[in-house]
Amino acid sequence: MLGLMQGQGLAISSLIDFAEKHHGDVEVVSKRVEGDVHRTHWAGIAQRARQVANALDGLGLAFGDRVATLAWNGYRHLELYFGVSGTGRVLHTVNPRLHPDQIAWIANHAQDQVMCFDMTFLPIIEKIHAQCTTVKHWIALCDDAHLPAQTSIPGLRSYESWLQAQDQQYVWPVFDENSASSMCYTSGTTGNPKAAVYSHRSTILHAYAAALPDVMCMSARDSILPVVPMFHVNAWGIPYSAAMVGAKLVFPGPALDGASVYGLIEAEGVTFAAGVPTVWQMMLSHMGPKALRFSTLQRTVIGGSACPPAMIHAFKNNYGVEVLHAWGMTEMSPLGTLCTLKNKHLGLPPEDQMQIRLKQGRCIYGIDMKIIGPEGQDLPWDGVATGDLLVKGPWVLREYYRQEGPSPLIDGWFPTGDVASIDPDGFMQITDRSKDVIKSGGEWISSIDIENIAMAHPDVQMAACIGVAHPKWDERPIVVVVKKPESNLDAATLLAFYQGKTAKWQIPDDVVFVPAIPLGATGKMLKTRLREQLQDYRLPA
């Protein structure tokens, strides 16, 4: 016996239709590449998304053809989110922080037909366009007045003139909800990048889950600032969830420095923000010396890499902002867990609650997870055992685009590459990346734990722990540190800071001060590159 419900498929076009009909006057605010602040609303986004759809039809693109973006967070990028996927084409968000040769390789591998780019990235496009053999149309996300007077890019046109000629009416096509909607390539720190291809079904389910009260708790009462880039895993799904609930969206554009982000939060009454730890570190460093406060910000989701406990304490204790620790990955659309307390935790002392908040959180409905040992055996959820973390669910990758390499699944589970523990209440804590864990004298040392202690020191701006070769212990940890401006911190002082905070054998053998730690395209520390930079380093005798 089958259910007797209507069989309407899940489609991204339904999100923008809903936002226009029920929340049409809700603002979408963008800091533009041009330097000004642009204001529109969901009805305006919907209208222009339909113009995008007509424009793509006019180019003769086939169903499933890829349309690439090389763009910051802004209203034009948002229009492409809905206008491209809504027609059955595939939105391919390209990370502009990758090396130009990698961008060209990705565009060719994805067989992109159209490339839409912010003028910030004109030098990249001019450098690589001849290498992008499948791209037939180049669209600059600006008006005619901001096009370059001379360029080598064939047939370059402005986005505004492209849309201006298009009808504002469009009937979204109906197709299988499992059709591809968008795609995002991994950073490719080892080998060539690989692409996760998301479907309309997986994207809508992910948007539902992200908006739940125990997840990001998004609603029509929120003003949301996604600092996490729209070119990285669809800005963690926030644009879709915001349309679903009718929230105000505030886009930072290219201005991601502490002063700009703080100013935008205050000017637009932002209640909820999302980003990686490095962005928030810049903002907190800007606010502290000036004794600045938040007037509207209530909570922030921090993910991408482990959030240092000192940052969670600073947000909560100094500014009254709740930090929601999150974990996920490109192959998971990206959300897997988010840390919110259960009812039974509300009566715990603040320090006990904080110990829970420091974890990456518990599963969102739709995601299942487990940890396994070296022989593939399931490990207990006791908060002590650590093992390789595996996940599965309706928005978790089954295989990579064009079946690059063998299927990554292990008996239907996706191996995340993270090492974690899970406590009896289901709260998961990442203890390390499998490639970053340090094995010293047969014992494992968590690089994240070492980094967190360093980050708690008031003179440390950023810290990364790596293992270096040791003749007796195989590996020993060192901590690489960027000091805060004007700091006179020395190695002996920082190493003394570790006393009593971890086992003596886990204390780093040395501190290496550097002007900067290399960051990846999404703000994560690049330990592979850091190891290369320190390949000639030798431990003190």
Protein backbone atom coordinates (compact mmCIF):
# COMPACT_ATOMS: atom_id res chain seq x y z
CA MET A 1 0.00 0.00 0.00
CA LEU A 2 1.33 3.44 -0.96
CA GLY A 3 0.69 6.77 0.68
CA LEU A 4 -1.85 9.06 -0.92
CA MET A 5 0.12 12.30 -0.70
CA GLN A 6 0.97 14.56 -3.62
CA GLY A 7 4.23 13.63 -5.30
CA GLN A 8 5.77 17.07 -5.62
CA GLY A 9 9.54 16.78 -5.95
CA LEU A 10 12.04 18.80 -3.94
CA ALA A 11 13.45 21.58 -6.10
CA ILE A 12 15.63 24.60 -5.34
CA SER A 13 13.32 26.79 -7.44
CA SER A 14 10.59 26.22 -4.84
CA LEU A 15 12.74 28.01 -2.24
CA ILE A 16 12.97 31.27 -4.15
CA ASP A 17 9.29 31.11 -5.08
CA PHE A 18 8.41 30.68 -1.40
CA ALA A 19 10.70 33.51 -0.28
CA GLU A 20 9.21 35.87 -2.86
CA LYS A 21 5.60 34.99 -2.00
CA HIS A 22 5.87 35.04 1.79
CA HIS A 23 8.92 37.19 2.55
CA GLY A 24 9.25 39.36 -0.55
CA ASP A 25 9.96 42.58 1.36
CA VAL A 26 12.70 41.11 3.57
CA GLU A 27 16.06 42.74 2.84
CA VAL A 28 19.13 41.27 1.18
CA VAL A 29 22.05 43.62 1.86
CA SER A 30 25.44 43.34 0.15
CA LYS A 31 28.79 45.07 0.52
CA ARG A 32 29.83 45.22 -3.12
CA VAL A 33 33.14 44.93 -4.90
CA GLU A 34 32.40 48.45 -6.14
CA GLY A 35 32.74 49.63 -2.53
CA ASP A 36 29.16 50.64 -1.77
CA VAL A 37 26.32 48.87 0.05
CA HIS A 38 23.55 47.49 -2.17
CA ARG A 39 20.02 46.84 -0.91
CA THR A 40 17.38 44.62 -2.42
CA HIS A 41 14.87 42.07 -1.08
CA TRP A 42 13.77 38.52 -1.69
CA ALA A 43 11.25 39.63 -4.33
CA GLY A 44 14.05 41.40 -6.20
CA ILE A 45 16.30 38.34 -5.96
CA ALA A 46 13.49 36.14 -7.30
CA GLN A 47 12.80 38.46 -10.23
CA ARG A 48 16.43 38.59 -11.28
CA ALA A 49 16.86 34.82 -10.76
CA ARG A 50 14.16 34.37 -13.40
CA GLN A 51 16.08 36.73 -15.68
CA VAL A 52 19.17 34.59 -15.14
CA ALA A 53 17.11 31.56 -16.15
CA ASN A 54 15.96 33.24 -19.36
CA ALA A 55 19.52 34.37 -20.08
CA LEU A 56 20.83 30.81 -19.74
CA ASP A 57 18.09 29.52 -22.03
CA GLY A 58 19.16 32.18 -24.52
CA LEU A 59 22.70 30.80 -24.51
CA GLY A 60 21.34 27.41 -25.54
CA LEU A 61 22.73 25.54 -22.55
CA ALA A 62 21.58 21.94 -22.18
CA PHE A 63 20.03 20.44 -19.07
CA GLY A 64 22.85 19.62 -16.63
CA ASP A 65 25.40 21.98 -18.19
CA ARG A 66 27.71 23.62 -15.68
CA VAL A 67 27.73 27.35 -14.91
CA ALA A 68 30.76 28.41 -12.86
CA THR A 69 31.05 31.32 -10.44
CA LEU A 70 34.20 32.97 -9.19
CA ALA A 71 32.62 35.39 -6.78
CA TRP A 72 32.33 36.80 -3.27
CA ASN A 73 29.20 36.70 -1.11
CA GLY A 74 26.69 39.10 -2.64
CA TYR A 75 23.25 39.51 -4.20
CA ARG A 76 24.39 38.69 -7.75
CA HIS A 77 25.92 35.44 -6.55
CA LEU A 78 22.65 34.68 -4.73
CA GLU A 79 20.66 35.25 -7.93
CA LEU A 80 22.86 32.71 -9.69
CA TYR A 81 22.31 30.21 -6.86
CA PHE A 82 18.63 30.04 -7.76
CA GLY A 83 18.63 31.03 -11.43
CA VAL A 84 21.16 28.40 -12.48
CA SER A 85 19.98 25.42 -10.44
CA GLY A 86 16.31 26.28 -10.95
CA THR A 87 16.64 25.66 -14.70
CA GLY A 88 18.22 22.24 -14.27
CA ARG A 89 21.73 23.47 -14.94
CA VAL A 90 24.46 22.91 -12.35
CA LEU A 91 25.93 25.74 -10.31
CA HIS A 92 29.69 25.24 -9.95
CA THR A 93 31.10 27.53 -7.27
CA VAL A 94 34.85 27.88 -7.82
CA ASN A 95 37.20 28.86 -5.02
CA PRO A 96 39.11 31.99 -6.17
CA ARG A 97 41.80 31.47 -3.54
CA LEU A 98 43.13 28.42 -5.34
CA HIS A 99 46.15 28.68 -7.61
CA PRO A 100 45.15 29.92 -11.10
CA ASP A 101 46.40 26.68 -12.69
CA GLN A 102 44.14 24.74 -10.33
CA ILE A 103 41.17 26.95 -11.21
CA ALA A 104 41.75 26.29 -14.90
CA TRP A 105 42.10 22.55 -14.26
CA ILE A 106 38.85 22.53 -12.27
CA ALA A 107 36.94 24.48 -14.95
CA ASN A 108 38.06 21.99 -17.59
CA HIS A 109 37.38 18.97 -15.43
CA ALA A 110 33.85 20.22 -14.68
CA GLN A 111 33.40 21.13 -18.37
CA ASP A 112 32.04 24.55 -17.40
CA GLN A 113 30.17 26.33 -20.20
CA VAL A 114 29.80 29.74 -18.55
CA MET A 115 32.06 31.58 -16.10
CA CYS A 116 30.58 34.41 -14.00
CA PHE A 117 33.17 36.34 -12.01
CA ASP A 118 33.55 39.35 -9.73
CA MET A 119 35.83 42.08 -11.06
CA THR A 120 38.22 41.41 -8.16
CA PHE A 121 39.19 38.26 -10.03
CA LEU A 122 39.63 39.81 -13.48
CA PRO A 123 43.45 39.29 -13.33
CA ILE A 124 42.89 35.56 -12.70
CA ILE A 125 40.42 35.26 -15.58
CA GLU A 126 42.73 37.12 -17.95
CA LYS A 127 45.50 34.74 -17.01
CA ILE A 128 43.57 31.48 -17.41
CA HIS A 129 40.78 32.03 -19.94
CA ALA A 130 42.79 30.61 -22.84
CA GLN A 131 43.35 27.41 -20.81
CA CYS A 132 39.62 26.96 -20.08
CA THR A 133 38.77 25.05 -23.23
CA THR A 134 35.09 24.37 -22.48
CA VAL A 135 34.03 27.85 -21.33
CA LYS A 136 32.13 29.62 -24.13
CA HIS A 137 30.71 32.60 -22.24
CA TRP A 138 32.43 35.05 -19.86
CA ILE A 139 30.20 37.20 -17.64
CA ALA A 140 31.61 39.93 -15.38
CA LEU A 141 29.43 40.50 -12.31
CA CYS A 142 29.13 44.26 -12.79
CA ASP A 143 27.54 46.83 -15.11
CA ASP A 144 28.96 48.12 -18.39
CA ALA A 145 30.57 51.09 -16.63
CA HIS A 146 32.84 48.77 -14.66
CA LEU A 147 33.99 46.61 -17.57
CA PRO A 148 37.68 46.99 -18.45
CA ALA A 149 38.42 49.29 -21.38
CA GLN A 150 40.61 46.63 -22.92
CA THR A 151 40.72 42.91 -22.26
CA SER A 152 41.87 39.70 -23.90
CA ILE A 153 38.76 37.81 -22.71
CA PRO A 154 36.68 36.93 -25.79
CA GLY A 155 33.08 38.18 -25.85
CA LEU A 156 33.19 39.52 -22.29
CA ARG A 157 29.91 41.08 -21.24
CA SER A 158 28.58 42.58 -18.04
CA TYR A 159 26.06 40.73 -15.91
CA GLU A 160 23.75 43.74 -15.76
CA SER A 161 23.53 44.16 -19.54
CA TRP A 162 23.11 40.38 -19.87
CA LEU A 163 20.10 40.45 -17.52
CA GLN A 164 18.61 43.73 -18.72
CA ALA A 165 17.44 42.23 -22.00
CA GLN A 166 15.71 39.30 -20.29
CA ASP A 167 12.04 38.79 -19.50
CA GLN A 168 11.19 38.87 -15.77
CA GLN A 169 8.72 36.01 -16.16
CA TYR A 170 9.82 32.39 -16.21
CA VAL A 171 8.19 29.05 -15.49
CA TRP A 172 10.61 26.79 -13.63
CA PRO A 173 10.88 23.35 -15.25
CA VAL A 174 9.89 20.20 -13.37
CA PHE A 175 12.45 17.40 -13.23
CA ASP A 176 13.70 14.57 -11.02
CA GLU A 177 14.65 15.83 -7.55
CA ASN A 178 17.78 13.70 -7.72
CA SER A 179 19.10 15.83 -10.59
CA ALA A 180 22.37 17.63 -9.91
CA SER A 181 21.93 21.15 -8.54
CA SER A 182 25.45 22.31 -7.69
CA MET A 183 29.00 21.11 -7.28
CA CYS A 184 32.02 22.01 -5.18
CA TYR A 185 35.60 20.79 -5.48
CA THR A 186 37.72 19.81 -2.53
CA SER A 187 40.79 21.95 -1.91
CA GLY A 188 43.12 19.39 -3.42
CA THR A 189 45.88 19.61 -0.80
CA THR A 190 47.08 16.24 -2.06
CA GLY A 191 46.63 15.41 -5.75
CA ASN A 192 44.03 17.00 -7.98
CA PRO A 193 40.82 18.34 -6.43
CA LYS A 194 37.75 16.09 -6.52
CA ALA A 195 34.15 17.29 -6.87
CA ALA A 196 31.12 16.59 -4.73
CA VAL A 197 27.92 16.92 -6.77
CA TYR A 198 24.82 17.86 -4.77
CA SER A 199 21.25 17.14 -5.84
CA HIS A 200 18.09 19.21 -5.45
CA ARG A 201 16.82 16.62 -2.98
CA SER A 202 19.99 16.58 -0.87
CA THR A 203 20.18 20.39 -0.88
CA ILE A 204 16.58 20.87 0.28
CA LEU A 205 16.90 18.22 3.00
CA HIS A 206 20.14 19.83 4.17
CA ALA A 207 18.44 23.26 4.24
CA TYR A 208 15.60 21.88 6.36
CA ALA A 209 18.06 20.29 8.79
CA ALA A 210 20.30 23.36 9.05
CA ALA A 211 17.37 25.58 10.04
CA LEU A 212 16.19 23.34 12.91
CA PRO A 213 16.25 24.80 16.46
CA ASP A 214 18.92 22.33 17.57
CA VAL A 215 21.07 23.21 14.58
CA MET A 216 21.43 26.83 13.32
CA CYS A 217 17.96 27.84 14.56
CA MET A 218 17.31 30.18 11.63
CA SER A 219 14.01 32.04 11.38
CA ALA A 220 12.24 35.04 9.83
CA ARG A 221 13.28 37.00 12.93
CA ASP A 222 16.97 36.69 12.08
CA SER A 223 19.38 38.96 10.29
CA ILE A 224 22.06 36.54 9.06
CA LEU A 225 25.65 37.29 8.08
CA PRO A 226 27.26 34.36 6.24
CA VAL A 227 30.97 35.17 6.39
CA VAL A 228 31.63 31.61 5.27
CA PRO A 229 32.12 31.97 1.49
CA MET A 230 29.39 31.15 -0.98
CA PHE A 231 32.14 29.49 -3.05
CA HIS A 232 32.75 26.98 -0.24
CA VAL A 233 30.09 24.25 0.10
CA ASN A 234 27.26 26.69 -0.67
CA ALA A 235 28.07 28.85 2.38
CA TRP A 236 27.16 25.87 4.57
CA GLY A 237 23.66 25.88 3.02
CA ILE A 238 22.73 29.21 4.64
CA PRO A 239 21.44 30.89 1.43
CA TYR A 240 18.97 28.04 0.96
CA SER A 241 17.87 27.92 4.60
CA ALA A 242 17.49 31.71 4.69
CA ALA A 243 15.13 31.57 1.71
CA MET A 244 13.24 28.71 3.35
CA VAL A 245 12.57 30.69 6.55
CA GLY A 246 12.54 34.22 5.10
CA ALA A 247 15.49 35.63 7.03
CA LYS A 248 17.30 38.85 6.21
CA LEU A 249 20.67 38.19 4.57
CA VAL A 250 23.72 40.40 4.95
CA PHE A 251 26.65 39.73 2.61
CA PRO A 252 30.17 41.02 3.38
CA GLY A 253 31.54 40.90 -0.17
CA PRO A 254 35.35 41.02 -0.22
CA ALA A 255 35.64 43.00 3.05
CA LEU A 256 36.48 40.28 5.58
CA ASP A 257 38.80 42.23 7.90
CA GLY A 258 37.78 42.58 11.55
CA ALA A 259 36.71 46.21 11.32
CA SER A 260 34.51 45.65 8.24
CA VAL A 261 32.80 42.53 9.58
CA TYR A 262 32.13 44.17 12.96
CA GLY A 263 30.80 47.34 11.30
CA LEU A 264 28.42 45.36 9.10
CA ILE A 265 27.10 43.37 12.08
CA GLU A 266 26.28 46.58 13.92
CA ALA A 267 24.91 48.50 10.93
CA GLU A 268 22.53 45.73 9.83
CA GLY A 269 21.39 44.41 13.20
CA VAL A 270 22.90 40.98 12.58
CA THR A 271 21.65 38.38 15.07
CA PHE A 272 23.41 35.32 13.66
CA ALA A 273 26.73 34.92 11.85
CA ALA A 274 28.70 31.98 10.52
CA GLY A 275 32.37 31.59 9.64
CA VAL A 276 35.71 29.94 10.25
CA PRO A 277 37.86 30.68 13.35
CA THR A 278 40.42 32.80 11.49
CA VAL A 279 37.80 35.42 10.52
CA TRP A 280 36.45 35.66 14.06
CA GLN A 281 39.99 35.94 15.44
CA MET A 282 40.51 39.04 13.29
CA MET A 283 37.24 40.53 14.48
CA LEU A 284 37.91 39.86 18.16
CA SER A 285 41.41 41.32 17.79
CA HIS A 286 39.81 44.47 16.35
CA MET A 287 37.18 44.73 19.08
CA GLY A 288 39.31 44.07 22.17
CA PRO A 289 41.64 47.10 22.16
CA LYS A 290 38.75 49.41 21.30
CA ALA A 291 36.42 48.00 24.00
CA LEU A 292 33.71 47.46 21.37
CA ARG A 293 30.51 45.53 22.10
CA PHE A 294 27.77 43.82 20.10
CA SER A 295 24.32 45.34 20.22
CA THR A 296 22.37 42.62 18.33
CA LEU A 297 24.57 39.55 17.72
CA GLN A 298 23.22 36.56 19.66
CA ARG A 299 24.99 33.51 18.24
CA THR A 300 27.59 32.41 15.77
CA VAL A 301 28.30 29.09 14.14
CA ILE A 302 32.01 28.35 13.93
CA GLY A 303 33.26 25.51 11.77
CA GLY A 304 35.77 24.69 9.06
CA SER A 305 38.35 23.79 11.70
CA ALA A 306 38.25 23.25 15.45
CA CYS A 307 37.33 26.39 17.35
CA PRO A 308 39.87 27.16 20.11
CA PRO A 309 38.30 27.08 23.60
CA ALA A 310 39.69 30.56 24.24
CA MET A 311 37.55 31.89 21.39
CA ILE A 312 34.40 30.22 22.71
CA HIS A 313 35.12 31.70 26.16
CA ALA A 314 35.74 35.16 24.68
CA PHE A 315 32.48 35.21 22.74
CA LYS A 316 30.44 33.87 25.66
CA ASN A 317 32.03 35.61 28.63
CA ASN A 318 33.14 38.92 27.10
CA TYR A 319 30.34 39.55 24.62
CA GLY A 320 27.39 37.35 25.60
CA VAL A 321 27.39 35.60 22.22
CA GLU A 322 26.65 31.88 22.07
CA VAL A 323 29.09 29.88 19.96
CA LEU A 324 27.64 26.89 18.15
CA HIS A 325 30.52 24.58 17.37
CA ALA A 326 29.93 22.78 14.06
CA TRP A 327 31.59 20.06 12.05
CA GLY A 328 31.21 18.87 8.49
CA MET A 329 33.00 18.67 5.16
CA THR A 330 32.58 19.33 1.44
CA GLU A 331 31.51 15.73 0.91
CA MET A 332 28.69 16.24 3.45
CA SER A 333 27.04 19.36 1.96
CA PRO A 334 28.62 20.15 4.62
CA LEU A 335 26.80 19.83 7.97
CA GLY A 336 27.25 16.70 10.08
CA THR A 337 27.10 17.78 13.72
CA LEU A 338 26.38 20.93 15.67
CA CYS A 339 26.82 21.49 19.38
CA THR A 340 23.71 22.52 21.27
CA LEU A 341 22.93 21.42 24.80
CA LYS A 342 20.19 18.96 25.72
CA ASN A 343 17.54 19.70 28.34
CA LYS A 344 19.36 17.64 30.97
CA HIS A 345 22.47 19.79 30.56
CA LEU A 346 20.77 23.09 31.36
CA GLY A 347 21.10 22.63 35.12
CA LEU A 348 24.82 21.88 34.98
CA PRO A 349 27.34 24.40 36.31
CA PRO A 350 28.68 26.76 33.61
CA GLU A 351 32.09 25.07 33.59
CA ASP A 352 30.49 21.66 32.93
CA GLN A 353 28.34 23.12 30.17
CA MET A 354 31.44 24.62 28.62
CA GLN A 355 33.12 21.20 28.45
CA ILE A 356 30.21 20.05 26.30
CA ARG A 357 30.26 23.17 24.12
CA LEU A 358 33.92 22.55 23.30
CA LYS A 359 32.92 19.40 21.41
CA GLN A 360 31.87 19.44 17.77
CA GLY A 361 28.36 18.38 18.77
CA ARG A 362 25.79 15.75 18.06
CA CYS A 363 24.33 14.41 14.85
CA ILE A 364 21.81 16.38 12.89
CA TYR A 365 18.81 14.26 11.86
CA GLY A 366 19.73 12.71 8.52
CA ILE A 367 23.32 11.97 9.51
CA ASP A 368 24.53 8.80 11.18
CA MET A 369 28.07 8.35 12.44
CA LYS A 370 30.36 5.87 14.13
CA ILE A 371 34.01 5.45 15.06
CA ILE A 372 36.04 2.39 14.18
CA GLY A 373 39.35 0.95 15.33
CA PRO A 374 42.37 -0.15 13.27
CA GLU A 375 40.77 -3.52 12.46
CA GLY A 376 37.49 -1.90 11.36
CA GLN A 377 35.69 -2.78 14.59
CA ASP A 378 33.04 -0.43 16.00
CA LEU A 379 34.28 1.45 19.07
CA PRO A 380 32.14 2.36 22.10
CA TRP A 381 30.51 5.74 22.66
CA ASP A 382 32.15 6.30 26.02
CA GLY A 383 33.88 9.63 25.40
CA VAL A 384 37.25 7.89 25.84
CA ALA A 385 37.79 5.58 22.87
CA THR A 386 39.06 7.35 19.75
CA GLY A 387 38.92 6.04 16.21
CA ASP A 388 38.35 6.88 12.57
CA LEU A 389 35.08 8.75 12.09
CA LEU A 390 32.65 7.44 9.45
CA VAL A 391 29.32 8.97 8.36
CA LYS A 392 26.37 8.31 6.09
CA GLY A 393 23.16 10.10 5.17
CA PRO A 394 21.06 11.56 2.33
CA TRP A 395 23.38 14.55 1.82
CA VAL A 396 26.65 12.59 2.13
CA LEU A 397 28.70 11.86 -0.99
CA ARG A 398 28.34 8.44 -2.59
CA GLU A 399 31.12 8.90 -5.14
CA TYR A 400 33.12 11.74 -6.63
CA TYR A 401 32.24 13.46 -9.90
CA ARG A 402 33.34 11.46 -12.95
CA GLN A 403 34.11 8.60 -10.56
CA GLU A 404 37.61 9.89 -9.81
CA GLY A 405 39.36 6.98 -8.11
CA PRO A 406 37.66 4.04 -6.40
CA SER A 407 34.48 4.52 -4.38
CA PRO A 408 35.45 6.07 -1.05
CA LEU A 409 32.72 4.22 0.88
CA ILE A 410 33.44 1.50 3.41
CA ASP A 411 30.39 -0.79 3.63
CA GLY A 412 28.18 2.19 2.79
CA TRP A 413 29.94 4.58 5.21
CA PHE A 414 32.02 7.58 4.14
CA PRO A 415 35.45 7.80 5.86
CA THR A 416 35.94 11.42 6.92
CA GLY A 417 39.67 11.32 7.62
CA ASP A 418 39.02 12.63 11.14
CA VAL A 419 39.88 10.90 14.40
CA ALA A 420 37.20 11.37 17.06
CA SER A 421 35.54 10.21 20.24
CA ILE A 422 31.79 10.07 20.93
CA ASP A 423 30.36 10.34 24.45
CA PRO A 424 27.30 8.44 25.78
CA ASP A 425 25.03 11.41 24.91
CA GLY A 426 26.18 11.31 21.28
CA PHE A 427 28.43 14.38 21.42
CA MET A 428 31.35 13.93 19.03
CA GLN A 429 34.76 15.49 19.54
CA ILE A 430 37.42 15.66 16.85
CA THR A 431 40.76 14.78 18.38
CA ASP A 432 42.73 15.20 15.15
CA ARG A 433 42.91 14.66 11.43
CA SER A 434 44.24 11.18 10.80
CA LYS A 435 47.14 12.73 8.86
CA ASP A 436 47.96 15.24 11.64
CA VAL A 437 47.92 13.06 14.75
CA ILE A 438 51.41 12.73 16.28
CA LYS A 439 52.73 9.34 17.38
CA SER A 440 55.47 9.72 19.96
CA GLY A 441 57.02 6.66 21.56
CA GLY A 442 54.01 4.57 20.55
CA GLU A 443 51.53 7.02 22.15
CA TRP A 444 49.18 9.34 20.28
CA ILE A 445 49.27 13.10 20.85
CA SER A 446 46.42 15.30 19.61
CA SER A 447 47.72 18.32 17.71
CA ILE A 448 44.39 20.07 18.37
CA ASP A 449 44.86 19.81 22.14
CA ILE A 450 48.34 21.35 21.86
CA GLU A 451 47.00 24.18 19.68
CA ASN A 452 44.10 24.91 22.01
CA ILE A 453 46.40 25.41 25.00
CA ALA A 454 48.62 27.78 23.03
CA MET A 455 45.58 29.74 21.82
CA ALA A 456 44.53 30.27 25.43
CA HIS A 457 47.66 32.36 26.04
CA PRO A 458 46.79 36.07 25.77
CA ASP A 459 49.81 36.83 23.55
CA VAL A 460 49.08 34.15 20.93
CA GLN A 461 47.18 35.10 17.78
CA MET A 462 47.41 31.76 15.95
CA ALA A 463 49.01 28.40 16.68
CA ALA A 464 49.61 25.18 14.77
CA CYS A 465 51.07 21.96 16.14
CA ILE A 466 53.02 19.58 13.93
CA GLY A 467 55.18 16.54 14.55
CA VAL A 468 58.88 16.50 13.72
CA ALA A 469 61.24 13.54 13.49
CA HIS A 470 62.97 12.42 16.70
CA PRO A 471 65.71 9.75 16.87
CA LYS A 472 64.29 8.07 19.97
CA TRP A 473 60.54 8.83 20.05
CA ASP A 474 59.90 8.76 16.25
CA GLU A 475 58.01 12.06 16.47
CA ARG A 476 57.74 14.94 18.90
CA PRO A 477 55.34 17.88 18.79
CA ILE A 478 56.38 21.48 18.26
CA VAL A 479 54.01 24.44 18.26
CA VAL A 480 54.29 27.09 15.55
CA VAL A 481 53.02 30.45 16.77
CA VAL A 482 52.05 33.85 15.42
CA LYS A 483 52.33 36.38 18.24
CA LYS A 484 49.88 39.22 18.72
CA PRO A 485 51.20 42.65 17.73
CA GLU A 486 53.48 44.28 20.32
CA SER A 487 53.90 40.96 22.16
CA ASN A 488 57.27 39.99 23.66
CA LEU A 489 56.30 36.35 24.22
CA ASP A 490 59.25 33.93 24.17
CA ALA A 491 59.44 30.14 23.87
CA ALA A 492 60.25 29.47 27.53
CA THR A 493 57.24 31.47 28.71
CA LEU A 494 54.84 29.68 26.40
CA LEU A 495 56.20 26.23 27.25
CA ALA A 496 55.84 27.05 30.95
CA PHE A 497 52.20 27.89 30.20
CA TYR A 498 51.64 24.23 29.30
CA GLN A 499 52.59 23.01 32.79
CA GLY A 500 49.61 21.44 34.54
CA LYS A 501 47.40 21.71 31.44
CA THR A 502 48.48 18.48 29.78
CA ALA A 503 50.68 15.47 30.51
CA LYS A 504 54.38 16.34 30.60
CA TRP A 505 55.21 14.02 27.73
CA GLN A 506 52.64 15.81 25.56
CA ILE A 507 54.15 19.28 26.10
CA PRO A 508 55.79 20.50 22.87
CA ASP A 509 59.54 20.23 22.65
CA ASP A 510 59.88 23.68 21.11
CA VAL A 511 58.11 26.84 19.99
CA VAL A 512 58.77 28.29 16.55
CA PHE A 513 57.62 31.88 16.05
CA VAL A 514 56.61 32.85 12.51
CA PRO A 515 55.10 36.01 11.00
CA ALA A 516 52.21 34.02 9.49
CA ILE A 517 50.84 30.49 9.28
CA PRO A 518 49.81 29.46 5.76
CA LEU A 519 46.05 29.27 5.34
CA GLY A 520 44.10 27.35 2.77
CA ALA A 521 41.43 28.66 0.47
CA THR A 522 38.74 28.22 3.14
CA GLY A 523 40.71 29.62 6.07
CA LYS A 524 42.07 26.33 7.40
CA MET A 525 45.69 26.08 8.47
CA LEU A 526 47.77 24.30 5.85
CA LYS A 527 49.93 22.00 7.92
CA THR A 528 51.28 20.28 4.82
CA ARG A 529 52.70 23.58 3.62
CA LEU A 530 53.88 24.43 7.13
CA ARG A 531 55.83 21.18 7.26
CA GLU A 532 57.39 22.04 3.91
CA GLN A 533 58.42 25.47 5.21
CA LEU A 534 60.02 23.87 8.27
CA GLN A 535 61.59 20.90 6.51
CA ASP A 536 65.07 22.03 7.58
CA TYR A 537 64.02 22.53 11.21
CA ARG A 538 65.80 20.42 13.81
CA LEU A 539 64.72 19.90 17.39
CA PRO A 540 66.93 21.53 20.03
CA ALA A 541 69.54 19.13 21.39
